[in-house]
């Protein structure tokens, strides 16, 4: 066979040595999709950073009341998101090693964990409302529903991407593109998990006292 033939020993052509489909050259579609994901994650990070600044600035008003109740569903959500991130990572490694069936099952498990995360988030909202932390009770509550809801929308976007990967398995396309899709999903879910940790810390552990202490440390004048 010619040197231009792709190696397929692992069931995902081109993955053993990371080479692309064009005579060992770089895989343009892979690079394009990966760069696109990095750009998207940078935009999402900027969006959440703007909300974080607005959250901190809103603390200066007298009607601000910190969130003091953390429903257990939010801790469950954290565990589910961590598990989802780990499952996608294991799926990525299985895909890279040519274990197609294992990668397929793990991808399906990751989607179920994502669905469980959304259900847990909805349950957390209900628990907050039942504990009189409703949307209009105080500004901190409004930020809670806004920021966690926005994060949930990005989780659902990740679920859509996972469904597209699953569609590749169902259609029999055990190709480099399917393995690439799993790798991109793994990267995105790692991002979602760390973003969730930042959101969790912002909503429940960043208080006016913490902000004042930080500003004093770095020399920013506060009222």
N, C-alpha and C. Protein backbone atom coordinates (compact mmCIF):
# COMPACT_ATOMS: atom_id res chain seq x y z
N UNK A 1 0.84 -1.19 0.00
CA UNK A 1 0.00 0.00 0.00
C UNK A 1 0.88 1.24 0.00
N UNK A 2 0.38 2.33 -0.55
CA UNK A 2 1.16 3.55 -0.65
C UNK A 2 1.28 4.22 0.71
N UNK A 3 2.29 5.12 0.79
CA UNK A 3 2.52 5.83 2.05
C UNK A 3 1.41 6.78 2.40
N UNK A 4 0.53 7.06 1.40
CA UNK A 4 -0.56 8.00 1.65
C UNK A 4 -1.76 7.35 2.30
N UNK A 5 -1.73 5.99 2.42
CA UNK A 5 -2.87 5.29 3.00
C UNK A 5 -2.93 5.52 4.49
N UNK A 6 -4.11 5.76 4.98
CA UNK A 6 -4.27 6.02 6.41
C UNK A 6 -4.10 4.74 7.21
N UNK A 7 -3.52 4.86 8.37
CA UNK A 7 -3.44 3.72 9.28
C UNK A 7 -4.76 3.59 10.02
N UNK A 8 -5.28 2.39 10.13
CA UNK A 8 -6.58 2.18 10.76
C UNK A 8 -6.51 1.10 11.84
N UNK A 9 -5.37 0.89 12.43
CA UNK A 9 -5.23 -0.19 13.40
C UNK A 9 -6.07 0.02 14.63
N UNK A 10 -6.47 1.24 14.91
CA UNK A 10 -7.24 1.47 16.13
C UNK A 10 -8.71 1.70 15.86
N UNK A 11 -9.14 1.57 14.60
CA UNK A 11 -10.55 1.76 14.28
C UNK A 11 -10.92 3.20 14.05
N UNK A 12 -10.01 4.12 14.36
CA UNK A 12 -10.23 5.53 14.11
C UNK A 12 -9.07 6.03 13.25
N UNK A 13 -9.22 6.04 11.91
CA UNK A 13 -8.11 6.36 11.02
C UNK A 13 -7.43 7.65 11.40
N UNK A 14 -6.09 7.59 11.40
CA UNK A 14 -5.30 8.78 11.62
C UNK A 14 -5.04 9.09 13.09
N UNK A 15 -5.70 8.39 14.03
CA UNK A 15 -5.53 8.73 15.43
C UNK A 15 -4.28 8.17 16.10
N UNK A 16 -3.70 7.01 15.62
CA UNK A 16 -2.57 6.45 16.35
C UNK A 16 -1.41 7.41 16.51
N UNK A 17 -1.07 8.12 15.41
CA UNK A 17 0.07 9.00 15.52
C UNK A 17 -0.32 10.46 15.42
N UNK A 18 -1.65 10.75 15.45
CA UNK A 18 -2.10 12.12 15.45
C UNK A 18 -2.02 12.80 14.11
N UNK A 19 -1.70 12.06 13.02
CA UNK A 19 -1.59 12.68 11.71
C UNK A 19 -2.95 12.81 11.07
N UNK A 20 -3.05 13.72 10.15
CA UNK A 20 -4.31 13.96 9.47
C UNK A 20 -4.50 13.07 8.29
N UNK A 21 -5.50 13.39 7.48
CA UNK A 21 -5.89 12.53 6.38
C UNK A 21 -5.21 12.88 5.09
N UNK A 22 -4.30 13.81 5.08
CA UNK A 22 -3.71 14.26 3.84
C UNK A 22 -2.22 13.98 3.82
N UNK A 23 -1.86 12.71 3.51
CA UNK A 23 -0.47 12.31 3.37
C UNK A 23 0.38 12.66 4.59
N UNK A 24 -0.21 12.46 5.77
CA UNK A 24 0.53 12.68 7.00
C UNK A 24 0.58 14.14 7.42
N UNK A 25 -0.09 15.00 6.66
CA UNK A 25 -0.10 16.42 6.99
C UNK A 25 -1.10 16.73 8.06
N UNK A 26 -1.18 17.97 8.45
CA UNK A 26 -2.14 18.36 9.49
C UNK A 26 -3.57 18.20 9.03
N UNK A 27 -4.42 17.81 9.95
CA UNK A 27 -5.84 17.61 9.65
C UNK A 27 -6.56 18.94 9.81
N UNK A 28 -6.84 19.58 8.69
CA UNK A 28 -7.44 20.93 8.74
C UNK A 28 -8.78 20.96 9.45
N UNK A 29 -9.72 20.02 9.15
CA UNK A 29 -11.01 20.08 9.86
C UNK A 29 -10.85 19.95 11.37
N UNK A 30 -9.95 19.05 11.79
CA UNK A 30 -9.74 18.88 13.23
C UNK A 30 -9.24 20.17 13.85
N UNK A 31 -8.22 20.78 13.22
CA UNK A 31 -7.67 22.02 13.75
C UNK A 31 -8.70 23.12 13.78
N UNK A 32 -9.53 23.19 12.74
CA UNK A 32 -10.53 24.23 12.67
C UNK A 32 -11.56 24.09 13.78
N UNK A 33 -12.04 22.88 14.00
CA UNK A 33 -13.05 22.65 15.03
C UNK A 33 -12.47 22.90 16.43
N UNK A 34 -11.23 22.51 16.63
CA UNK A 34 -10.62 22.71 17.94
C UNK A 34 -10.42 24.19 18.23
N UNK A 35 -9.93 24.92 17.24
CA UNK A 35 -9.76 26.36 17.41
C UNK A 35 -11.11 27.03 17.66
N UNK A 36 -12.13 26.58 16.90
CA UNK A 36 -13.47 27.13 17.09
C UNK A 36 -13.98 26.91 18.50
N UNK A 37 -13.70 25.74 19.06
CA UNK A 37 -14.13 25.46 20.43
C UNK A 37 -13.41 26.37 21.43
N UNK A 38 -12.11 26.57 21.23
CA UNK A 38 -11.36 27.45 22.12
C UNK A 38 -11.89 28.88 22.05
N UNK A 39 -12.21 29.34 20.85
CA UNK A 39 -12.77 30.69 20.71
C UNK A 39 -14.11 30.78 21.42
N UNK A 40 -14.95 29.74 21.25
CA UNK A 40 -16.26 29.73 21.90
C UNK A 40 -16.12 29.76 23.42
N UNK A 41 -15.20 28.96 23.96
CA UNK A 41 -15.01 28.92 25.40
C UNK A 41 -14.49 30.26 25.92
N UNK A 42 -13.66 30.93 25.11
CA UNK A 42 -13.17 32.26 25.51
C UNK A 42 -14.32 33.26 25.57
N UNK A 43 -15.24 33.19 24.60
CA UNK A 43 -16.39 34.09 24.59
C UNK A 43 -17.29 33.82 25.79
N UNK A 44 -17.55 32.54 26.06
CA UNK A 44 -18.39 32.18 27.20
C UNK A 44 -17.75 32.63 28.51
N UNK A 45 -16.44 32.46 28.63
CA UNK A 45 -15.75 32.90 29.85
C UNK A 45 -15.87 34.40 30.03
N UNK A 46 -15.77 35.14 28.93
CA UNK A 46 -15.90 36.59 29.00
C UNK A 46 -17.31 36.99 29.45
N UNK A 47 -18.30 36.27 28.93
CA UNK A 47 -19.69 36.56 29.31
C UNK A 47 -19.91 36.35 30.81
N UNK A 48 -19.44 35.22 31.32
CA UNK A 48 -19.61 34.95 32.75
C UNK A 48 -18.78 35.91 33.59
N UNK A 49 -17.64 36.34 33.08
CA UNK A 49 -16.82 37.30 33.81
C UNK A 49 -17.55 38.64 33.94
N UNK A 50 -18.24 39.04 32.88
CA UNK A 50 -19.03 40.28 32.95
C UNK A 50 -20.15 40.16 33.99
N UNK A 51 -20.82 39.03 34.04
CA UNK A 51 -21.85 38.82 35.05
C UNK A 51 -21.24 38.82 36.46
N UNK A 52 -20.03 38.27 36.58
CA UNK A 52 -19.37 38.26 37.88
C UNK A 52 -19.06 39.68 38.34
N UNK A 53 -18.59 40.52 37.42
CA UNK A 53 -18.33 41.92 37.77
C UNK A 53 -19.62 42.62 38.19
N UNK A 54 -20.70 42.37 37.44
CA UNK A 54 -21.98 42.99 37.79
C UNK A 54 -22.45 42.51 39.16
N UNK A 55 -22.25 41.24 39.44
CA UNK A 55 -22.64 40.66 40.73
C UNK A 55 -21.90 41.34 41.87
N UNK A 56 -20.59 41.48 41.72
CA UNK A 56 -19.77 42.09 42.77
C UNK A 56 -20.13 43.56 42.95
N UNK A 57 -20.34 44.28 41.84
CA UNK A 57 -20.68 45.70 41.94
C UNK A 57 -22.04 45.90 42.61
N UNK A 58 -22.98 44.98 42.36
CA UNK A 58 -24.32 45.10 42.94
C UNK A 58 -24.30 44.92 44.46
N UNK A 59 -23.26 44.29 44.97
CA UNK A 59 -23.16 44.08 46.41
C UNK A 59 -23.08 45.39 47.20
N UNK A 60 -22.69 46.46 46.54
CA UNK A 60 -22.48 47.72 47.24
C UNK A 60 -23.78 48.37 47.70
N UNK A 61 -24.91 47.92 47.19
CA UNK A 61 -26.19 48.54 47.54
C UNK A 61 -26.74 47.97 48.85
N UNK A 62 -27.50 48.77 49.55
CA UNK A 62 -27.97 48.40 50.89
C UNK A 62 -28.97 47.25 50.90
N UNK A 63 -29.67 47.05 49.78
CA UNK A 63 -30.68 45.99 49.76
C UNK A 63 -30.09 44.61 49.48
N UNK A 64 -28.77 44.52 49.43
CA UNK A 64 -28.13 43.24 49.11
C UNK A 64 -28.15 42.31 50.31
N UNK A 65 -28.53 41.05 50.06
CA UNK A 65 -28.49 40.01 51.09
C UNK A 65 -27.81 38.78 50.50
N UNK A 66 -26.74 38.33 51.14
CA UNK A 66 -26.00 37.18 50.62
C UNK A 66 -26.85 35.91 50.63
N UNK A 67 -26.56 35.03 49.71
CA UNK A 67 -27.18 33.71 49.72
C UNK A 67 -26.55 32.88 50.83
N UNK A 68 -27.34 32.40 51.74
CA UNK A 68 -26.82 31.61 52.86
C UNK A 68 -27.31 30.17 52.85
N UNK A 69 -28.24 29.87 51.97
CA UNK A 69 -28.80 28.51 51.91
C UNK A 69 -28.29 27.82 50.66
N UNK A 70 -27.62 26.68 50.84
CA UNK A 70 -27.11 25.89 49.72
C UNK A 70 -27.85 24.55 49.71
N UNK A 71 -28.83 24.36 48.84
CA UNK A 71 -29.55 23.09 48.82
C UNK A 71 -28.65 21.93 48.41
N UNK A 72 -28.94 20.76 48.95
CA UNK A 72 -28.09 19.61 48.67
C UNK A 72 -28.08 19.27 47.18
N UNK A 73 -29.10 19.68 46.46
CA UNK A 73 -29.14 19.39 45.03
C UNK A 73 -27.99 20.06 44.28
N UNK A 74 -27.52 21.19 44.80
CA UNK A 74 -26.39 21.86 44.15
C UNK A 74 -25.10 21.08 44.35
N UNK A 75 -24.95 20.45 45.51
CA UNK A 75 -23.78 19.59 45.71
C UNK A 75 -23.87 18.37 44.79
N UNK A 76 -25.10 17.85 44.64
CA UNK A 76 -25.30 16.73 43.72
C UNK A 76 -24.95 17.15 42.29
N UNK A 77 -25.37 18.35 41.91
CA UNK A 77 -25.06 18.85 40.57
C UNK A 77 -23.55 18.90 40.35
N UNK A 78 -22.83 19.34 41.37
CA UNK A 78 -21.37 19.41 41.26
C UNK A 78 -20.77 18.03 41.03
N UNK A 79 -21.25 17.05 41.80
CA UNK A 79 -20.76 15.68 41.63
C UNK A 79 -21.09 15.11 40.26
N UNK A 80 -22.30 15.39 39.79
CA UNK A 80 -22.71 14.89 38.47
C UNK A 80 -21.87 15.51 37.36
N UNK A 81 -21.59 16.80 37.48
CA UNK A 81 -20.79 17.46 36.45
C UNK A 81 -19.35 16.95 36.45
N UNK A 82 -18.81 16.69 37.65
CA UNK A 82 -17.48 16.11 37.73
C UNK A 82 -17.46 14.72 37.11
N UNK A 83 -18.46 13.91 37.43
CA UNK A 83 -18.54 12.56 36.86
C UNK A 83 -18.66 12.63 35.34
N UNK A 84 -19.46 13.56 34.84
CA UNK A 84 -19.63 13.71 33.40
C UNK A 84 -18.31 14.06 32.72
N UNK A 85 -17.57 14.97 33.32
CA UNK A 85 -16.27 15.36 32.77
C UNK A 85 -15.32 14.16 32.73
N UNK A 86 -15.30 13.37 33.80
CA UNK A 86 -14.42 12.21 33.86
C UNK A 86 -14.83 11.14 32.85
N UNK A 87 -16.14 10.93 32.69
CA UNK A 87 -16.61 9.92 31.74
C UNK A 87 -16.24 10.31 30.31
N UNK A 88 -16.41 11.59 29.96
CA UNK A 88 -16.00 12.03 28.62
C UNK A 88 -14.50 11.82 28.41
N UNK A 89 -13.71 12.06 29.46
CA UNK A 89 -12.26 11.87 29.33
C UNK A 89 -11.92 10.40 29.09
N UNK A 90 -12.58 9.50 29.82
CA UNK A 90 -12.34 8.07 29.61
C UNK A 90 -12.81 7.65 28.22
N UNK A 91 -13.94 8.21 27.78
CA UNK A 91 -14.42 7.92 26.42
C UNK A 91 -13.41 8.38 25.38
N UNK A 92 -12.82 9.54 25.60
CA UNK A 92 -11.81 10.06 24.66
C UNK A 92 -10.61 9.11 24.58
N UNK A 93 -10.17 8.62 25.72
CA UNK A 93 -9.02 7.72 25.73
C UNK A 93 -9.35 6.40 25.07
N UNK A 94 -10.56 5.92 25.27
CA UNK A 94 -10.96 4.68 24.61
C UNK A 94 -11.05 4.87 23.10
N UNK A 95 -11.57 6.00 22.66
CA UNK A 95 -11.64 6.27 21.23
C UNK A 95 -10.25 6.35 20.62
N UNK A 96 -9.33 7.00 21.31
CA UNK A 96 -7.97 7.13 20.80
C UNK A 96 -7.25 5.79 20.73
N UNK A 97 -7.68 4.84 21.58
CA UNK A 97 -7.07 3.51 21.60
C UNK A 97 -7.80 2.51 20.71
N UNK A 98 -8.85 2.97 20.03
CA UNK A 98 -9.57 2.09 19.11
C UNK A 98 -10.65 1.24 19.74
N UNK A 99 -10.96 1.49 21.01
CA UNK A 99 -12.02 0.71 21.67
C UNK A 99 -13.37 1.38 21.39
N UNK A 100 -13.87 1.15 20.21
CA UNK A 100 -15.06 1.84 19.71
C UNK A 100 -16.29 1.58 20.56
N UNK A 101 -16.52 0.33 20.92
CA UNK A 101 -17.72 -0.02 21.68
C UNK A 101 -17.71 0.63 23.06
N UNK A 102 -16.54 0.60 23.70
CA UNK A 102 -16.43 1.23 25.01
C UNK A 102 -16.66 2.73 24.91
N UNK A 103 -16.10 3.35 23.86
CA UNK A 103 -16.29 4.79 23.66
C UNK A 103 -17.75 5.12 23.44
N UNK A 104 -18.45 4.26 22.71
CA UNK A 104 -19.87 4.50 22.44
C UNK A 104 -20.69 4.43 23.73
N UNK A 105 -20.45 3.41 24.54
CA UNK A 105 -21.20 3.26 25.79
C UNK A 105 -20.91 4.40 26.77
N UNK A 106 -19.66 4.80 26.83
CA UNK A 106 -19.30 5.88 27.73
C UNK A 106 -19.91 7.21 27.28
N UNK A 107 -20.00 7.42 25.97
CA UNK A 107 -20.63 8.63 25.46
C UNK A 107 -22.11 8.68 25.85
N UNK A 108 -22.77 7.52 25.77
CA UNK A 108 -24.18 7.44 26.16
C UNK A 108 -24.33 7.71 27.66
N UNK A 109 -23.41 7.17 28.47
CA UNK A 109 -23.45 7.41 29.91
C UNK A 109 -23.24 8.89 30.22
N UNK A 110 -22.35 9.53 29.49
CA UNK A 110 -22.09 10.95 29.70
C UNK A 110 -23.35 11.78 29.41
N UNK A 111 -24.09 11.41 28.39
CA UNK A 111 -25.32 12.14 28.08
C UNK A 111 -26.36 11.95 29.19
N UNK A 112 -26.44 10.75 29.75
CA UNK A 112 -27.37 10.51 30.85
C UNK A 112 -26.98 11.33 32.09
N UNK A 113 -25.69 11.44 32.35
CA UNK A 113 -25.22 12.24 33.48
C UNK A 113 -25.56 13.72 33.27
N UNK A 114 -25.44 14.18 32.03
CA UNK A 114 -25.79 15.57 31.73
C UNK A 114 -27.27 15.82 31.96
N UNK A 115 -28.09 14.86 31.56
CA UNK A 115 -29.53 14.98 31.79
C UNK A 115 -29.83 15.00 33.28
N UNK A 116 -29.12 14.17 34.04
CA UNK A 116 -29.31 14.16 35.49
C UNK A 116 -28.88 15.49 36.10
N UNK A 117 -27.85 16.11 35.55
CA UNK A 117 -27.41 17.41 36.04
C UNK A 117 -28.50 18.46 35.85
N UNK A 118 -29.12 18.47 34.68
CA UNK A 118 -30.20 19.43 34.42
C UNK A 118 -31.35 19.20 35.40
N UNK A 119 -31.71 17.93 35.61
CA UNK A 119 -32.79 17.61 36.55
C UNK A 119 -32.43 18.07 37.96
N UNK A 120 -31.18 17.88 38.35
CA UNK A 120 -30.73 18.30 39.68
C UNK A 120 -30.79 19.82 39.82
N UNK A 121 -30.45 20.53 38.75
CA UNK A 121 -30.50 21.98 38.78
C UNK A 121 -31.94 22.48 38.95
N UNK A 122 -32.87 21.87 38.24
CA UNK A 122 -34.27 22.25 38.38
C UNK A 122 -34.77 21.98 39.79
N UNK A 123 -34.33 20.85 40.37
CA UNK A 123 -34.70 20.53 41.74
C UNK A 123 -34.11 21.55 42.72
N UNK A 124 -32.89 22.01 42.43
CA UNK A 124 -32.26 23.02 43.28
C UNK A 124 -33.04 24.33 43.23
N UNK A 125 -33.50 24.70 42.05
CA UNK A 125 -34.33 25.91 41.93
C UNK A 125 -35.60 25.79 42.77
N UNK A 126 -36.23 24.61 42.70
CA UNK A 126 -37.44 24.39 43.49
C UNK A 126 -37.14 24.47 44.98
N UNK A 127 -36.01 23.91 45.40
CA UNK A 127 -35.64 23.95 46.81
C UNK A 127 -35.36 25.38 47.26
N UNK A 128 -34.71 26.16 46.41
CA UNK A 128 -34.44 27.56 46.76
C UNK A 128 -35.75 28.34 46.90
N UNK A 129 -36.67 28.11 45.99
CA UNK A 129 -37.96 28.80 46.05
C UNK A 129 -38.72 28.40 47.31
N UNK A 130 -38.70 27.11 47.64
CA UNK A 130 -39.40 26.64 48.84
C UNK A 130 -38.79 27.21 50.11
N UNK A 131 -37.49 27.51 50.07
CA UNK A 131 -36.81 28.09 51.24
C UNK A 131 -36.90 29.61 51.25
N UNK A 132 -37.81 30.15 50.45
CA UNK A 132 -38.06 31.59 50.36
C UNK A 132 -36.88 32.37 49.77
N UNK A 133 -36.17 31.71 48.87
CA UNK A 133 -35.14 32.38 48.08
C UNK A 133 -35.66 32.51 46.64
N UNK A 134 -36.80 33.13 46.53
CA UNK A 134 -37.42 33.30 45.23
C UNK A 134 -36.69 34.30 44.35
N UNK A 135 -37.13 34.40 43.11
CA UNK A 135 -36.46 35.23 42.13
C UNK A 135 -36.40 36.69 42.55
N UNK A 136 -37.49 37.21 43.15
CA UNK A 136 -37.56 38.63 43.48
C UNK A 136 -37.32 38.94 44.96
N UNK A 137 -36.92 37.95 45.73
CA UNK A 137 -36.74 38.18 47.16
C UNK A 137 -35.62 39.18 47.45
N UNK A 138 -34.52 39.08 46.71
CA UNK A 138 -33.46 40.08 46.81
C UNK A 138 -32.55 39.94 45.59
N UNK A 139 -31.72 40.95 45.30
CA UNK A 139 -30.92 40.92 44.07
C UNK A 139 -30.00 39.70 43.94
N UNK A 140 -29.46 39.21 45.05
CA UNK A 140 -28.58 38.04 44.98
C UNK A 140 -29.34 36.83 44.43
N UNK A 141 -30.61 36.70 44.80
CA UNK A 141 -31.41 35.59 44.29
C UNK A 141 -31.56 35.68 42.77
N UNK A 142 -31.82 36.89 42.29
CA UNK A 142 -31.98 37.07 40.84
C UNK A 142 -30.72 36.66 40.10
N UNK A 143 -29.57 37.04 40.64
CA UNK A 143 -28.31 36.65 40.01
C UNK A 143 -28.14 35.13 40.04
N UNK A 144 -28.57 34.50 41.14
CA UNK A 144 -28.45 33.05 41.24
C UNK A 144 -29.19 32.36 40.10
N UNK A 145 -30.45 32.72 39.88
CA UNK A 145 -31.22 32.08 38.83
C UNK A 145 -30.68 32.43 37.44
N UNK A 146 -30.23 33.67 37.28
CA UNK A 146 -29.71 34.09 35.98
C UNK A 146 -28.44 33.34 35.62
N UNK A 147 -27.48 33.32 36.55
CA UNK A 147 -26.17 32.73 36.24
C UNK A 147 -26.24 31.21 36.14
N UNK A 148 -26.95 30.56 37.08
CA UNK A 148 -27.07 29.10 36.99
C UNK A 148 -27.90 28.69 35.77
N UNK A 149 -28.90 29.51 35.43
CA UNK A 149 -29.69 29.21 34.23
C UNK A 149 -28.86 29.32 32.97
N UNK A 150 -28.00 30.34 32.91
CA UNK A 150 -27.12 30.51 31.76
C UNK A 150 -26.14 29.35 31.64
N UNK A 151 -25.62 28.92 32.78
CA UNK A 151 -24.73 27.76 32.76
C UNK A 151 -25.49 26.51 32.28
N UNK A 152 -26.72 26.37 32.75
CA UNK A 152 -27.53 25.22 32.31
C UNK A 152 -27.75 25.21 30.81
N UNK A 153 -27.93 26.39 30.22
CA UNK A 153 -28.10 26.47 28.75
C UNK A 153 -26.84 25.97 28.04
N UNK A 154 -25.69 26.29 28.58
CA UNK A 154 -24.45 25.82 27.95
C UNK A 154 -24.27 24.31 28.15
N UNK A 155 -24.78 23.80 29.26
CA UNK A 155 -24.77 22.34 29.45
C UNK A 155 -25.65 21.67 28.39
N UNK A 156 -26.81 22.25 28.13
CA UNK A 156 -27.69 21.68 27.11
C UNK A 156 -27.06 21.76 25.72
N UNK A 157 -26.28 22.83 25.49
CA UNK A 157 -25.54 22.90 24.24
C UNK A 157 -24.52 21.78 24.13
N UNK A 158 -23.86 21.46 25.26
CA UNK A 158 -22.93 20.33 25.26
C UNK A 158 -23.63 19.00 25.04
N UNK A 159 -24.87 18.89 25.55
CA UNK A 159 -25.64 17.67 25.30
C UNK A 159 -25.96 17.52 23.82
N UNK A 160 -26.26 18.63 23.15
CA UNK A 160 -26.53 18.58 21.72
C UNK A 160 -25.30 18.10 20.96
N UNK A 161 -24.13 18.61 21.35
CA UNK A 161 -22.90 18.16 20.71
C UNK A 161 -22.67 16.66 20.95
N UNK A 162 -22.98 16.20 22.18
CA UNK A 162 -22.84 14.78 22.48
C UNK A 162 -23.79 13.93 21.67
N UNK A 163 -24.99 14.44 21.43
CA UNK A 163 -25.95 13.71 20.58
C UNK A 163 -25.44 13.59 19.16
N UNK A 164 -24.77 14.61 18.66
CA UNK A 164 -24.19 14.54 17.32
C UNK A 164 -23.10 13.48 17.26
N UNK A 165 -22.31 13.38 18.33
CA UNK A 165 -21.29 12.33 18.39
C UNK A 165 -21.95 10.96 18.41
N UNK A 166 -23.02 10.82 19.22
CA UNK A 166 -23.75 9.55 19.28
C UNK A 166 -24.34 9.21 17.92
N UNK A 167 -24.79 10.24 17.19
CA UNK A 167 -25.31 10.00 15.85
C UNK A 167 -24.25 9.43 14.93
N UNK A 168 -23.01 9.84 15.11
CA UNK A 168 -21.92 9.29 14.31
C UNK A 168 -21.73 7.80 14.57
N UNK A 169 -21.90 7.38 15.83
CA UNK A 169 -21.82 5.95 16.14
C UNK A 169 -22.98 5.19 15.50
N UNK A 170 -24.18 5.73 15.63
CA UNK A 170 -25.37 5.05 15.12
C UNK A 170 -25.33 4.90 13.61
N UNK A 171 -24.73 5.86 12.94
CA UNK A 171 -24.64 5.78 11.48
C UNK A 171 -23.48 4.92 11.01
N UNK A 172 -22.69 4.41 11.96
CA UNK A 172 -21.58 3.53 11.61
C UNK A 172 -20.32 4.25 11.20
N UNK A 173 -20.24 5.54 11.43
CA UNK A 173 -19.06 6.29 11.02
C UNK A 173 -18.00 6.20 12.12
N UNK A 174 -17.35 5.04 12.21
CA UNK A 174 -16.26 4.87 13.18
C UNK A 174 -15.00 5.44 12.55
N UNK A 175 -14.92 6.73 12.44
CA UNK A 175 -13.83 7.41 11.75
C UNK A 175 -13.12 8.35 12.67
N UNK A 176 -12.09 8.97 12.13
CA UNK A 176 -11.34 9.94 12.92
C UNK A 176 -12.23 11.09 13.39
N UNK A 177 -13.22 11.43 12.56
CA UNK A 177 -14.10 12.55 12.92
C UNK A 177 -14.93 12.24 14.17
N UNK A 178 -15.34 10.97 14.32
CA UNK A 178 -16.08 10.59 15.52
C UNK A 178 -15.17 10.68 16.75
N UNK A 179 -13.94 10.16 16.62
CA UNK A 179 -12.99 10.25 17.72
C UNK A 179 -12.67 11.69 18.06
N UNK A 180 -12.58 12.52 17.03
CA UNK A 180 -12.33 13.94 17.26
C UNK A 180 -13.49 14.58 18.01
N UNK A 181 -14.71 14.21 17.63
CA UNK A 181 -15.89 14.76 18.31
C UNK A 181 -15.90 14.42 19.79
N UNK A 182 -15.51 13.20 20.12
CA UNK A 182 -15.44 12.79 21.52
C UNK A 182 -14.39 13.61 22.26
N UNK A 183 -13.25 13.83 21.62
CA UNK A 183 -12.19 14.62 22.25
C UNK A 183 -12.65 16.06 22.50
N UNK A 184 -13.38 16.63 21.56
CA UNK A 184 -13.87 17.99 21.72
C UNK A 184 -14.93 18.06 22.82
N UNK A 185 -15.79 17.04 22.89
CA UNK A 185 -16.79 16.98 23.97
C UNK A 185 -16.10 16.91 25.32
N UNK A 186 -15.06 16.09 25.42
CA UNK A 186 -14.33 15.97 26.68
C UNK A 186 -13.75 17.32 27.09
N UNK A 187 -13.16 18.01 26.13
CA UNK A 187 -12.58 19.32 26.43
C UNK A 187 -13.66 20.30 26.89
N UNK A 188 -14.80 20.29 26.24
CA UNK A 188 -15.87 21.22 26.60
C UNK A 188 -16.44 20.92 27.98
N UNK A 189 -16.59 19.64 28.31
CA UNK A 189 -17.16 19.30 29.61
C UNK A 189 -16.18 19.57 30.75
N UNK A 190 -14.88 19.46 30.47
CA UNK A 190 -13.91 19.90 31.48
C UNK A 190 -14.10 21.39 31.75
N UNK A 191 -14.29 22.14 30.68
CA UNK A 191 -14.50 23.58 30.81
C UNK A 191 -15.77 23.89 31.61
N UNK A 192 -16.85 23.17 31.30
CA UNK A 192 -18.11 23.39 32.01
C UNK A 192 -17.97 23.10 33.50
N UNK A 193 -17.21 22.08 33.84
CA UNK A 193 -17.04 21.74 35.25
C UNK A 193 -16.30 22.84 35.99
N UNK A 194 -15.19 23.33 35.44
CA UNK A 194 -14.44 24.39 36.11
C UNK A 194 -15.21 25.70 36.12
N UNK A 195 -15.99 25.93 35.08
CA UNK A 195 -16.85 27.12 35.08
C UNK A 195 -17.88 27.02 36.19
N UNK A 196 -18.44 25.84 36.40
CA UNK A 196 -19.42 25.64 37.47
C UNK A 196 -18.79 25.88 38.84
N UNK A 197 -17.56 25.43 39.04
CA UNK A 197 -16.90 25.67 40.32
C UNK A 197 -16.74 27.17 40.56
N UNK A 198 -16.40 27.91 39.51
CA UNK A 198 -16.26 29.37 39.65
C UNK A 198 -17.61 30.01 39.97
N UNK A 199 -18.67 29.55 39.31
CA UNK A 199 -20.02 30.06 39.56
C UNK A 199 -20.45 29.76 41.00
N UNK A 200 -20.20 28.55 41.43
CA UNK A 200 -20.57 28.13 42.79
C UNK A 200 -19.86 29.00 43.82
N UNK A 201 -18.56 29.21 43.63
CA UNK A 201 -17.79 30.02 44.57
C UNK A 201 -18.29 31.46 44.57
N UNK A 202 -18.58 31.99 43.40
CA UNK A 202 -19.05 33.37 43.30
C UNK A 202 -20.36 33.57 44.06
N UNK A 203 -21.31 32.66 43.85
CA UNK A 203 -22.65 32.84 44.41
C UNK A 203 -22.71 32.62 45.92
N UNK A 204 -21.88 31.73 46.44
CA UNK A 204 -22.04 31.36 47.84
C UNK A 204 -20.86 31.72 48.75
N UNK A 205 -19.72 32.07 48.17
CA UNK A 205 -18.56 32.33 49.01
C UNK A 205 -17.94 33.71 48.80
N UNK A 206 -18.38 34.43 47.77
CA UNK A 206 -17.91 35.80 47.59
C UNK A 206 -18.93 36.73 48.24
N UNK A 207 -18.53 37.36 49.32
CA UNK A 207 -19.40 38.25 50.09
C UNK A 207 -18.84 39.67 50.05
N UNK A 208 -19.63 40.67 50.47
CA UNK A 208 -19.09 42.03 50.53
C UNK A 208 -17.82 42.14 51.37
N UNK A 209 -17.75 41.39 52.46
CA UNK A 209 -16.54 41.42 53.29
C UNK A 209 -15.33 40.88 52.53
N UNK A 210 -15.55 39.82 51.76
CA UNK A 210 -14.46 39.25 50.95
C UNK A 210 -14.01 40.25 49.90
N UNK A 211 -14.97 40.91 49.27
CA UNK A 211 -14.64 41.91 48.24
C UNK A 211 -13.87 43.07 48.84
N UNK A 212 -14.32 43.57 50.00
CA UNK A 212 -13.62 44.68 50.66
C UNK A 212 -12.21 44.28 51.06
N UNK A 213 -12.05 43.07 51.57
CA UNK A 213 -10.72 42.60 51.97
C UNK A 213 -9.79 42.52 50.76
N UNK A 214 -10.34 42.02 49.65
CA UNK A 214 -9.53 41.92 48.43
C UNK A 214 -9.13 43.31 47.93
N UNK A 215 -10.09 44.22 47.89
CA UNK A 215 -9.81 45.58 47.41
C UNK A 215 -8.77 46.27 48.29
N UNK A 216 -8.87 46.07 49.60
CA UNK A 216 -7.90 46.67 50.51
C UNK A 216 -6.52 46.09 50.27
N UNK A 217 -6.45 44.79 50.00
CA UNK A 217 -5.16 44.13 49.78
C UNK A 217 -4.47 44.66 48.52
N UNK A 218 -5.23 44.87 47.47
CA UNK A 218 -4.63 45.32 46.20
C UNK A 218 -4.60 46.83 46.06
N UNK A 219 -5.08 47.55 47.10
CA UNK A 219 -5.00 49.00 47.08
C UNK A 219 -6.12 49.72 46.37
N UNK A 220 -7.27 49.07 46.22
CA UNK A 220 -8.42 49.70 45.59
C UNK A 220 -9.27 50.36 46.68
N UNK A 221 -9.54 51.65 46.58
CA UNK A 221 -10.34 52.32 47.62
C UNK A 221 -11.78 51.81 47.61
N UNK A 222 -12.34 51.60 48.80
CA UNK A 222 -13.72 51.16 48.93
C UNK A 222 -14.45 52.09 49.87
N UNK A 223 -15.78 52.09 49.70
CA UNK A 223 -16.60 52.94 50.58
C UNK A 223 -16.78 52.29 51.95
